PDB file of all heavy atoms in Angstrom:
ATOM      1  N   GLY A   1      63.827 166.364 146.225  1.00  0.00           N
ATOM      2  CA  GLY A   1      63.985 167.803 146.401  1.00  0.00           C
ATOM      3  C   GLY A   1      64.763 168.221 147.634  1.00  0.00           C
ATOM      4  O   GLY A   1      64.903 169.422 147.904  1.00  0.00           O
ATOM      5  N   GLU A   2      65.285 167.262 148.375  1.00  0.00           N
ATOM      6  CA  GLU A   2      66.049 167.558 149.586  1.00  0.00           C
ATOM      7  C   GLU A   2      67.504 167.143 149.400  1.00  0.00           C
ATOM      8  O   GLU A   2      67.809 166.251 148.604  1.00  0.00           O
ATOM      9  CB  GLU A   2      65.458 166.827 150.798  1.00  0.00           C
ATOM     10  CG  GLU A   2      64.009 167.164 151.100  1.00  0.00           C
ATOM     11  CD  GLU A   2      63.837 168.577 151.639  1.00  0.00           C
ATOM     12  OE1 GLU A   2      64.830 169.124 152.171  1.00  0.00           O
ATOM     13  OE2 GLU A   2      62.725 169.128 151.538  1.00  0.00           O
ATOM     14  N   THR A   3      68.399 167.793 150.154  1.00  0.00           N
ATOM     15  CA  THR A   3      69.826 167.476 150.118  1.00  0.00           C
ATOM     16  C   THR A   3      70.282 167.067 151.504  1.00  0.00           C
ATOM     17  O   THR A   3      69.978 167.750 152.493  1.00  0.00           O
ATOM     18  CB  THR A   3      70.650 168.684 149.638  1.00  0.00           C
ATOM     19  OG1 THR A   3      70.227 169.053 148.315  1.00  0.00           O
ATOM     20  CG2 THR A   3      72.134 168.353 149.604  1.00  0.00           C
ATOM     21  N   TYR A   4      71.002 165.951 151.580  1.00  0.00           N
ATOM     22  CA  TYR A   4      71.486 165.411 152.846  1.00  0.00           C
ATOM     23  C   TYR A   4      72.999 165.242 152.755  1.00  0.00           C
ATOM     24  O   TYR A   4      73.534 164.894 151.700  1.00  0.00           O
ATOM     25  CB  TYR A   4      70.839 164.055 153.136  1.00  0.00           C
ATOM     26  CG  TYR A   4      69.331 164.054 153.073  1.00  0.00           C
ATOM     27  CD1 TYR A   4      68.663 163.899 151.842  1.00  0.00           C
ATOM     28  CD2 TYR A   4      68.565 164.213 154.219  1.00  0.00           C
ATOM     29  CE1 TYR A   4      67.283 163.895 151.779  1.00  0.00           C
ATOM     30  CE2 TYR A   4      67.176 164.211 154.156  1.00  0.00           C
ATOM     31  CZ  TYR A   4      66.547 164.052 152.935  1.00  0.00           C
ATOM     32  OH  TYR A   4      65.181 164.054 152.866  1.00  0.00           O
ATOM     33  N   LYS A   5      73.692 165.489 153.882  1.00  0.00           N
ATOM     34  CA  LYS A   5      75.152 165.394 153.890  1.00  0.00           C
ATOM     35  C   LYS A   5      75.629 164.574 155.077  1.00  0.00           C
ATOM     36  O   LYS A   5      75.029 164.597 156.150  1.00  0.00           O
ATOM     37  CB  LYS A   5      75.788 166.790 153.947  1.00  0.00           C
ATOM     38  CG  LYS A   5      75.473 167.670 152.750  1.00  0.00           C
ATOM     39  CD  LYS A   5      76.152 169.032 152.870  1.00  0.00           C
ATOM     40  CE  LYS A   5      75.816 169.906 151.672  1.00  0.00           C
ATOM     41  NZ  LYS A   5      76.489 171.239 151.734  1.00  0.00           N
ATOM     42  N   ASP A   6      76.715 163.843 154.863  1.00  0.00           N
ATOM     43  CA  ASP A   6      77.342 163.062 155.924  1.00  0.00           C
ATOM     44  C   ASP A   6      78.765 162.761 155.488  1.00  0.00           C
ATOM     45  O   ASP A   6      79.117 162.927 154.321  1.00  0.00           O
ATOM     46  CB  ASP A   6      76.572 161.755 156.172  1.00  0.00           C
ATOM     47  CG  ASP A   6      76.831 161.183 157.571  1.00  0.00           C
ATOM     48  OD1 ASP A   6      77.990 161.244 158.016  1.00  0.00           O
ATOM     49  OD2 ASP A   6      75.883 160.680 158.196  1.00  0.00           O
ATOM     50  N   VAL A   7      79.564 162.305 156.418  1.00  0.00           N
ATOM     51  CA  VAL A   7      80.925 161.901 156.072  1.00  0.00           C
ATOM     52  C   VAL A   7      80.904 160.587 155.299  1.00  0.00           C
ATOM     53  O   VAL A   7      81.614 160.414 154.311  1.00  0.00           O
ATOM     54  CB  VAL A   7      81.806 161.778 157.337  1.00  0.00           C
ATOM     55  CG1 VAL A   7      83.196 161.262 156.980  1.00  0.00           C
ATOM     56  CG2 VAL A   7      81.905 163.120 158.047  1.00  0.00           C
ATOM     57  N   GLU A   8      80.082 159.642 155.742  1.00  0.00           N
ATOM     58  CA  GLU A   8      80.004 158.321 155.137  1.00  0.00           C
ATOM     59  C   GLU A   8      78.725 158.183 154.308  1.00  0.00           C
ATOM     60  O   GLU A   8      77.672 158.703 154.677  1.00  0.00           O
ATOM     61  CB  GLU A   8      80.032 157.232 156.210  1.00  0.00           C
ATOM     62  CG  GLU A   8      81.289 157.233 157.063  1.00  0.00           C
ATOM     63  CD  GLU A   8      82.529 156.884 156.263  1.00  0.00           C
ATOM     64  OE1 GLU A   8      82.378 156.207 155.211  1.00  0.00           O
ATOM     65  OE2 GLU A   8      83.624 157.281 156.664  1.00  0.00           O
ATOM     66  N   PRO A   9      78.794 157.464 153.185  1.00  0.00           N
ATOM     67  CA  PRO A   9      77.617 157.360 152.317  1.00  0.00           C
ATOM     68  C   PRO A   9      76.538 156.407 152.818  1.00  0.00           C
ATOM     69  O   PRO A   9      75.342 156.651 152.617  1.00  0.00           O
ATOM     70  CB  PRO A   9      78.204 156.858 150.996  1.00  0.00           C
ATOM     71  CG  PRO A   9      79.464 156.144 151.377  1.00  0.00           C
ATOM     72  CD  PRO A   9      80.004 156.878 152.566  1.00  0.00           C
ATOM     73  N   GLU A  10      76.936 155.310 153.459  1.00  0.00           N
ATOM     74  CA  GLU A  10      75.952 154.298 153.833  1.00  0.00           C
ATOM     75  C   GLU A  10      74.871 154.821 154.779  1.00  0.00           C
ATOM     76  O   GLU A  10      73.681 154.530 154.575  1.00  0.00           O
ATOM     77  CB  GLU A  10      76.652 153.078 154.433  1.00  0.00           C
ATOM     78  CG  GLU A  10      75.724 151.895 154.665  1.00  0.00           C
ATOM     79  CD  GLU A  10      76.471 150.655 155.107  1.00  0.00           C
ATOM     80  OE1 GLU A  10      77.562 150.391 154.572  1.00  0.00           O
ATOM     81  OE2 GLU A  10      75.954 149.949 155.977  1.00  0.00           O
ATOM     82  N   PRO A  11      75.214 155.617 155.825  1.00  0.00           N
ATOM     83  CA  PRO A  11      74.147 156.157 156.684  1.00  0.00           C
ATOM     84  C   PRO A  11      73.183 157.058 155.938  1.00  0.00           C
ATOM     85  O   PRO A  11      71.982 157.086 156.260  1.00  0.00           O
ATOM     86  CB  PRO A  11      74.928 156.938 157.757  1.00  0.00           C
ATOM     87  CG  PRO A  11      76.290 156.333 157.772  1.00  0.00           C
ATOM     88  CD  PRO A  11      76.554 155.942 156.350  1.00  0.00           C
ATOM     89  N   LEU A  12      73.684 157.798 154.950  1.00  0.00           N
ATOM     90  CA  LEU A  12      72.801 158.656 154.157  1.00  0.00           C
ATOM     91  C   LEU A  12      71.780 157.834 153.388  1.00  0.00           C
ATOM     92  O   LEU A  12      70.592 158.156 153.357  1.00  0.00           O
ATOM     93  CB  LEU A  12      73.622 159.485 153.173  1.00  0.00           C
ATOM     94  CG  LEU A  12      74.262 160.778 153.679  1.00  0.00           C
ATOM     95  CD1 LEU A  12      75.024 161.450 152.549  1.00  0.00           C
ATOM     96  CD2 LEU A  12      73.224 161.715 154.252  1.00  0.00           C
ATOM     97  N   ILE A  13      72.243 156.775 152.742  1.00  0.00           N
ATOM     98  CA  ILE A  13      71.327 155.928 151.977  1.00  0.00           C
ATOM     99  C   ILE A  13      70.266 155.336 152.896  1.00  0.00           C
ATOM    100  O   ILE A  13      69.074 155.317 152.564  1.00  0.00           O
ATOM    101  CB  ILE A  13      72.109 154.812 151.261  1.00  0.00           C
ATOM    102  CG1 ILE A  13      73.069 155.401 150.233  1.00  0.00           C
ATOM    103  CG2 ILE A  13      71.145 153.842 150.574  1.00  0.00           C
ATOM    104  CD1 ILE A  13      73.961 154.371 149.566  1.00  0.00           C
ATOM    105  N   TYR A  14      70.692 154.874 154.057  1.00  0.00           N
ATOM    106  CA  TYR A  14      69.732 154.278 154.990  1.00  0.00           C
ATOM    107  C   TYR A  14      68.741 155.321 155.504  1.00  0.00           C
ATOM    108  O   TYR A  14      67.540 155.061 155.617  1.00  0.00           O
ATOM    109  CB  TYR A  14      70.469 153.633 156.157  1.00  0.00           C
ATOM    110  CG  TYR A  14      69.533 152.950 157.138  1.00  0.00           C
ATOM    111  CD1 TYR A  14      68.966 151.719 156.820  1.00  0.00           C
ATOM    112  CD2 TYR A  14      69.190 153.561 158.336  1.00  0.00           C
ATOM    113  CE1 TYR A  14      68.091 151.102 157.689  1.00  0.00           C
ATOM    114  CE2 TYR A  14      68.310 152.949 159.223  1.00  0.00           C
ATOM    115  CZ  TYR A  14      67.767 151.717 158.893  1.00  0.00           C
ATOM    116  OH  TYR A  14      66.891 151.116 159.764  1.00  0.00           O
ATOM    117  N   GLN A  15      69.242 156.522 155.806  1.00  0.00           N
ATOM    118  CA  GLN A  15      68.372 157.576 156.328  1.00  0.00           C
ATOM    119  C   GLN A  15      67.260 157.926 155.353  1.00  0.00           C
ATOM    120  O   GLN A  15      66.101 158.128 155.751  1.00  0.00           O
ATOM    121  CB  GLN A  15      69.209 158.829 156.614  1.00  0.00           C
ATOM    122  CG  GLN A  15      68.387 160.040 157.065  1.00  0.00           C
ATOM    123  CD  GLN A  15      69.220 161.304 157.159  1.00  0.00           C
ATOM    124  OE1 GLN A  15      70.452 161.269 157.034  1.00  0.00           O
ATOM    125  NE2 GLN A  15      68.567 162.433 157.386  1.00  0.00           N
ATOM    126  N   VAL A  16      67.587 157.995 154.068  1.00  0.00           N
ATOM    127  CA  VAL A  16      66.626 158.462 153.072  1.00  0.00           C
ATOM    128  C   VAL A  16      65.766 157.327 152.523  1.00  0.00           C
ATOM    129  O   VAL A  16      64.575 157.500 152.292  1.00  0.00           O
ATOM    130  CB  VAL A  16      67.371 159.177 151.924  1.00  0.00           C
ATOM    131  CG1 VAL A  16      66.401 159.593 150.825  1.00  0.00           C
ATOM    132  CG2 VAL A  16      68.108 160.395 152.458  1.00  0.00           C
ATOM    133  N   THR A  17      66.369 156.152 152.300  1.00  0.00           N
ATOM    134  CA  THR A  17      65.644 155.066 151.637  1.00  0.00           C
ATOM    135  C   THR A  17      65.256 153.924 152.563  1.00  0.00           C
ATOM    136  O   THR A  17      64.393 153.117 152.214  1.00  0.00           O
ATOM    137  CB  THR A  17      66.486 154.480 150.490  1.00  0.00           C
ATOM    138  OG1 THR A  17      67.614 153.782 151.046  1.00  0.00           O
ATOM    139  CG2 THR A  17      66.978 155.572 149.556  1.00  0.00           C
ATOM    140  N   GLY A  18      65.920 153.824 153.724  1.00  0.00           N
ATOM    141  CA  GLY A  18      65.686 152.686 154.597  1.00  0.00           C
ATOM    142  C   GLY A  18      66.436 151.447 154.163  1.00  0.00           C
ATOM    143  O   GLY A  18      66.260 150.369 154.733  1.00  0.00           O
ATOM    144  N   LEU A  19      67.313 151.587 153.156  1.00  0.00           N
ATOM    145  CA  LEU A  19      68.049 150.450 152.618  1.00  0.00           C
ATOM    146  C   LEU A  19      69.479 150.424 153.140  1.00  0.00           C
ATOM    147  O   LEU A  19      70.109 151.466 153.314  1.00  0.00           O
ATOM    148  CB  LEU A  19      68.102 150.533 151.087  1.00  0.00           C
ATOM    149  CG  LEU A  19      66.766 150.399 150.366  1.00  0.00           C
ATOM    150  CD1 LEU A  19      66.925 150.804 148.909  1.00  0.00           C
ATOM    151  CD2 LEU A  19      66.237 148.978 150.470  1.00  0.00           C
ATOM    152  N   ILE A  20      69.967 149.225 153.383  1.00  0.00           N
ATOM    153  CA  ILE A  20      71.364 149.034 153.752  1.00  0.00           C
ATOM    154  C   ILE A  20      72.113 148.621 152.490  1.00  0.00           C
ATOM    155  O   ILE A  20      71.934 147.515 151.989  1.00  0.00           O
ATOM    156  CB  ILE A  20      71.514 147.965 154.854  1.00  0.00           C
ATOM    157  CG1 ILE A  20      70.745 148.371 156.105  1.00  0.00           C
ATOM    158  CG2 ILE A  20      72.985 147.739 155.181  1.00  0.00           C
ATOM    159  CD1 ILE A  20      70.686 147.275 157.153  1.00  0.00           C
ATOM    160  N   ILE A  21      72.933 149.527 151.957  1.00  0.00           N
ATOM    161  CA  ILE A  21      73.722 149.240 150.757  1.00  0.00           C
ATOM    162  C   ILE A  21      75.186 149.510 151.091  1.00  0.00           C
ATOM    163  O   ILE A  21      75.563 150.659 151.326  1.00  0.00           O
ATOM    164  CB  ILE A  21      73.289 150.108 149.565  1.00  0.00           C
ATOM    165  CG1 ILE A  21      71.787 149.944 149.286  1.00  0.00           C
ATOM    166  CG2 ILE A  21      74.096 149.745 148.320  1.00  0.00           C
ATOM    167  CD1 ILE A  21      71.279 150.803 148.144  1.00  0.00           C
ATOM    168  N   PRO A  22      76.029 148.499 151.120  1.00  0.00           N
ATOM    169  CA  PRO A  22      77.434 148.686 151.508  1.00  0.00           C
ATOM    170  C   PRO A  22      78.268 149.237 150.360  1.00  0.00           C
ATOM    171  O   PRO A  22      79.140 148.553 149.811  1.00  0.00           O
ATOM    172  CB  PRO A  22      77.853 147.265 151.898  1.00  0.00           C
ATOM    173  CG  PRO A  22      77.055 146.389 150.992  1.00  0.00           C
ATOM    174  CD  PRO A  22      75.718 147.086 150.826  1.00  0.00           C
ATOM    175  N   VAL A  23      78.030 150.510 150.002  1.00  0.00           N
ATOM    176  CA  VAL A  23      78.631 151.052 148.786  1.00  0.00           C
ATOM    177  C   VAL A  23      80.159 151.078 148.841  1.00  0.00           C
ATOM    178  O   VAL A  23      80.825 150.870 147.818  1.00  0.00           O
ATOM    179  CB  VAL A  23      78.074 152.461 148.471  1.00  0.00           C
ATOM    180  CG1 VAL A  23      76.657 152.375 147.967  1.00  0.00           C
ATOM    181  CG2 VAL A  23      78.159 153.374 149.683  1.00  0.00           C
ATOM    182  N   ASP A  24      80.747 151.331 150.007  1.00  0.00           N
ATOM    183  CA  ASP A  24      82.207 151.352 150.095  1.00  0.00           C
ATOM    184  C   ASP A  24      82.798 149.989 149.728  1.00  0.00           C
ATOM    185  O   ASP A  24      83.730 149.890 148.929  1.00  0.00           O
ATOM    186  CB  ASP A  24      82.660 151.763 151.497  1.00  0.00           C
ATOM    187  CG  ASP A  24      82.576 153.270 151.715  1.00  0.00           C
ATOM    188  OD1 ASP A  24      82.638 154.012 150.714  1.00  0.00           O
ATOM    189  OD2 ASP A  24      82.460 153.708 152.866  1.00  0.00           O
ATOM    190  N   SER A  25      82.253 148.933 150.313  1.00  0.00           N
ATOM    191  CA  SER A  25      82.730 147.586 150.005  1.00  0.00           C
ATOM    192  C   SER A  25      82.388 147.202 148.570  1.00  0.00           C
ATOM    193  O   SER A  25      83.162 146.518 147.889  1.00  0.00           O
ATOM    194  CB  SER A  25      82.120 146.573 150.973  1.00  0.00           C
ATOM    195  OG  SER A  25      82.470 146.866 152.313  1.00  0.00           O
ATOM    196  N   LEU A  26      81.245 147.678 148.085  1.00  0.00           N
ATOM    197  CA  LEU A  26      80.806 147.337 146.740  1.00  0.00           C
ATOM    198  C   LEU A  26      81.737 147.884 145.661  1.00  0.00           C
ATOM    199  O   LEU A  26      81.775 147.350 144.556  1.00  0.00           O
ATOM    200  CB  LEU A  26      79.385 147.854 146.499  1.00  0.00           C
ATOM    201  CG  LEU A  26      78.245 146.873 146.751  1.00  0.00           C
ATOM    202  CD1 LEU A  26      76.904 147.564 146.568  1.00  0.00           C
ATOM    203  CD2 LEU A  26      78.342 145.664 145.842  1.00  0.00           C
ATOM    204  N   LEU A  27      82.480 148.937 145.970  1.00  0.00           N
ATOM    205  CA  LEU A  27      83.425 149.452 144.990  1.00  0.00           C
ATOM    206  C   LEU A  27      84.396 148.360 144.552  1.00  0.00           C
ATOM    207  O   LEU A  27      84.852 148.334 143.407  1.00  0.00           O
ATOM    208  CB  LEU A  27      84.206 150.639 145.572  1.00  0.00           C
ATOM    209  CG  LEU A  27      83.431 151.951 145.716  1.00  0.00           C
ATOM    210  CD1 LEU A  27      84.259 152.964 146.489  1.00  0.00           C
ATOM    211  CD2 LEU A  27      83.050 152.517 144.358  1.00  0.00           C
ATOM    212  N   SER A  28      84.724 147.451 145.457  1.00  0.00           N
ATOM    213  CA  SER A  28      85.568 146.302 145.112  1.00  0.00           C
ATOM    214  C   SER A  28      84.734 145.092 144.722  1.00  0.00           C
ATOM    215  O   SER A  28      84.980 144.442 143.699  1.00  0.00           O
ATOM    216  CB  SER A  28      86.480 145.940 146.287  1.00  0.00           C
ATOM    217  OG  SER A  28      87.422 146.957 146.541  1.00  0.00           O
ATOM    218  N   TRP A  29      83.727 144.785 145.544  1.00  0.00           N
ATOM    219  CA  TRP A  29      82.938 143.573 145.322  1.00  0.00           C
ATOM    220  C   TRP A  29      82.270 143.550 143.959  1.00  0.00           C
ATOM    221  O   TRP A  29      82.158 142.500 143.323  1.00  0.00           O
ATOM    222  CB  TRP A  29      81.883 143.429 146.402  1.00  0.00           C
ATOM    223  CG  TRP A  29      82.421 143.109 147.758  1.00  0.00           C
ATOM    224  CD1 TRP A  29      83.675 142.660 148.068  1.00  0.00           C
ATOM    225  CD2 TRP A  29      81.721 143.202 148.996  1.00  0.00           C
ATOM    226  NE1 TRP A  29      83.796 142.467 149.419  1.00  0.00           N
ATOM    227  CE2 TRP A  29      82.612 142.794 150.013  1.00  0.00           C
ATOM    228  CE3 TRP A  29      80.437 143.597 149.350  1.00  0.00           C
ATOM    229  CZ2 TRP A  29      82.248 142.767 151.360  1.00  0.00           C
ATOM    230  CZ3 TRP A  29      80.067 143.575 150.682  1.00  0.00           C
ATOM    231  CH2 TRP A  29      80.963 143.157 151.674  1.00  0.00           C
ATOM    232  N   VAL A  30      81.796 144.709 143.498  1.00  0.00           N
ATOM    233  CA  VAL A  30      81.049 144.743 142.242  1.00  0.00           C
ATOM    234  C   VAL A  30      81.930 144.358 141.057  1.00  0.00           C
ATOM    235  O   VAL A  30      81.420 143.942 140.010  1.00  0.00           O
ATOM    236  CB  VAL A  30      80.416 146.142 142.047  1.00  0.00           C
ATOM    237  CG1 VAL A  30      81.442 147.161 141.559  1.00  0.00           C
ATOM    238  CG2 VAL A  30      79.233 146.084 141.104  1.00  0.00           C
ATOM    239  N   LYS A  31      83.239 144.473 141.228  1.00  0.00           N
ATOM    240  CA  LYS A  31      84.182 144.076 140.167  1.00  0.00           C
ATOM    241  C   LYS A  31      84.603 142.615 140.291  1.00  0.00           C
ATOM    242  O   LYS A  31      85.388 142.124 139.467  1.00  0.00           O
ATOM    243  CB  LYS A  31      85.432 144.955 140.217  1.00  0.00           C
ATOM    244  CG  LYS A  31      85.186 146.442 140.026  1.00  0.00           C
ATOM    245  CD  LYS A  31      86.485 147.223 140.004  1.00  0.00           C
ATOM    246  CE  LYS A  31      87.252 147.148 141.314  1.00  0.00           C
ATOM    247  NZ  LYS A  31      88.505 147.953 141.285  1.00  0.00           N
ATOM    248  N   GLY A  32      84.128 141.934 141.342  1.00  0.00           N
ATOM    249  CA  GLY A  32      84.583 140.570 141.577  1.00  0.00           C
ATOM    250  C   GLY A  32      85.905 140.528 142.307  1.00  0.00           C
ATOM    251  O   GLY A  32      86.668 139.566 142.167  1.00  0.00           O
ATOM    252  N   LEU A  33      86.183 141.557 143.103  1.00  0.00           N
ATOM    253  CA  LEU A  33      87.454 141.673 143.817  1.00  0.00           C
ATOM    254  C   LEU A  33      87.210 141.557 145.318  1.00  0.00           C
ATOM    255  O   LEU A  33      86.606 142.451 145.921  1.00  0.00           O
ATOM    256  CB  LEU A  33      88.116 143.013 143.504  1.00  0.00           C
ATOM    257  CG  LEU A  33      89.466 143.284 144.166  1.00  0.00           C
ATOM    258  CD1 LEU A  33      90.526 142.310 143.654  1.00  0.00           C
ATOM    259  CD2 LEU A  33      89.905 144.734 143.920  1.00  0.00           C
ATOM    260  N   PRO A  34      87.653 140.478 145.954  1.00  0.00           N
ATOM    261  CA  PRO A  34      87.488 140.343 147.405  1.00  0.00           C
ATOM    262  C   PRO A  34      88.315 141.390 148.150  1.00  0.00           C
ATOM    263  O   PRO A  34      89.382 141.813 147.693  1.00  0.00           O
ATOM    264  CB  PRO A  34      88.006 138.930 147.704  1.00  0.00           C
ATOM    265  CG  PRO A  34      88.001 138.223 146.379  1.00  0.00           C
ATOM    266  CD  PRO A  34      88.271 139.281 145.358  1.00  0.00           C
ATOM    267  N   LEU A  35      87.807 141.807 149.305  1.00  0.00           N
ATOM    268  CA  LEU A  35      88.569 142.670 150.200  1.00  0.00           C
ATOM    269  C   LEU A  35      89.492 141.821 151.058  1.00  0.00           C
ATOM    270  O   LEU A  35      89.314 140.603 151.173  1.00  0.00           O
ATOM    271  CB  LEU A  35      87.616 143.483 151.089  1.00  0.00           C
ATOM    272  CG  LEU A  35      86.719 144.493 150.380  1.00  0.00           C
ATOM    273  CD1 LEU A  35      85.656 145.009 151.342  1.00  0.00           C
ATOM    274  CD2 LEU A  35      87.538 145.651 149.820  1.00  0.00           C
ATOM    275  N   ALA A  36      90.470 142.462 151.665  1.00  0.00           N
ATOM    276  CA  ALA A  36      91.394 141.745 152.549  1.00  0.00           C
ATOM    277  C   ALA A  36      90.599 141.056 153.656  1.00  0.00           C
ATOM    278  O   ALA A  36      89.760 141.675 154.311  1.00  0.00           O
ATOM    279  CB  ALA A  36      92.409 142.715 153.148  1.00  0.00           C
ATOM    280  N   GLY A  37      90.832 139.781 153.834  1.00  0.00           N
ATOM    281  CA  GLY A  37      90.147 139.022 154.873  1.00  0.00           C
ATOM    282  C   GLY A  37      88.884 138.324 154.413  1.00  0.00           C
ATOM    283  O   GLY A  37      88.370 137.454 155.120  1.00  0.00           O
ATOM    284  N   ASP A  38      88.353 138.685 153.241  1.00  0.00           N
ATOM    285  CA  ASP A  38      87.158 138.008 152.731  1.00  0.00           C
ATOM    286  C   ASP A  38      87.481 136.545 152.407  1.00  0.00           C
ATOM    287  O   ASP A  38      88.540 136.236 151.858  1.00  0.00           O
ATOM    288  CB  ASP A  38      86.649 138.685 151.456  1.00  0.00           C
ATOM    289  CG  ASP A  38      85.985 140.026 151.712  1.00  0.00           C
ATOM    290  OD1 ASP A  38      85.679 140.325 152.881  1.00  0.00           O
ATOM    291  OD2 ASP A  38      85.781 140.777 150.736  1.00  0.00           O
ATOM    292  N   LYS A  39      86.536 135.683 152.713  1.00  0.00           N
ATOM    293  CA  LYS A  39      86.641 134.290 152.300  1.00  0.00           C
ATOM    294  C   LYS A  39      85.939 134.142 150.953  1.00  0.00           C
ATOM    295  O   LYS A  39      84.834 134.657 150.775  1.00  0.00           O
ATOM    296  CB  LYS A  39      85.982 133.369 153.332  1.00  0.00           C
ATOM    297  CG  LYS A  39      86.633 133.406 154.708  1.00  0.00           C
ATOM    298  CD  LYS A  39      85.884 132.494 155.663  1.00  0.00           C
ATOM    299  CE  LYS A  39      86.504 132.506 157.052  1.00  0.00           C
ATOM    300  NZ  LYS A  39      85.750 131.640 158.006  1.00  0.00           N
ATOM    301  N   TYR A  40      86.557 133.451 149.993  1.00  0.00           N
ATOM    302  CA  TYR A  40      85.918 133.334 148.696  1.00  0.00           C
ATOM    303  C   TYR A  40      86.171 131.970 148.067  1.00  0.00           C
ATOM    304  O   TYR A  40      87.137 131.273 148.402  1.00  0.00           O
ATOM    305  CB  TYR A  40      86.371 134.451 147.747  1.00  0.00           C
ATOM    306  CG  TYR A  40      87.856 134.501 147.464  1.00  0.00           C
ATOM    307  CD1 TYR A  40      88.418 133.815 146.391  1.00  0.00           C
ATOM    308  CD2 TYR A  40      88.707 135.269 148.261  1.00  0.00           C
ATOM    309  CE1 TYR A  40      89.771 133.880 146.109  1.00  0.00           C
ATOM    310  CE2 TYR A  40      90.070 135.338 147.989  1.00  0.00           C
ATOM    311  CZ  TYR A  40      90.590 134.648 146.918  1.00  0.00           C
ATOM    312  OH  TYR A  40      91.935 134.703 146.653  1.00  0.00           O
ATOM    313  N   THR A  41      85.253 131.609 147.167  1.00  0.00           N
ATOM    314  CA  THR A  41      85.386 130.388 146.380  1.00  0.00           C
ATOM    315  C   THR A  41      85.509 130.776 144.914  1.00  0.00           C
ATOM    316  O   THR A  41      85.201 131.910 144.521  1.00  0.00           O
ATOM    317  CB  THR A  41      84.178 129.466 146.560  1.00  0.00           C
ATOM    318  OG1 THR A  41      82.998 130.117 146.046  1.00  0.00           O
ATOM    319  CG2 THR A  41      83.955 129.142 148.044  1.00  0.00           C
TER     320      THR A  41
END
């Protein structure tokens, strides 16, 4: 029943749920796409 606002999504998720979810990075990772600089096998 509450609304929270921020520039970045990750601090909002942590503030409300206590969870660290890297949603920005997950936009790529969830597809199986490494970000620049990621090490992968």
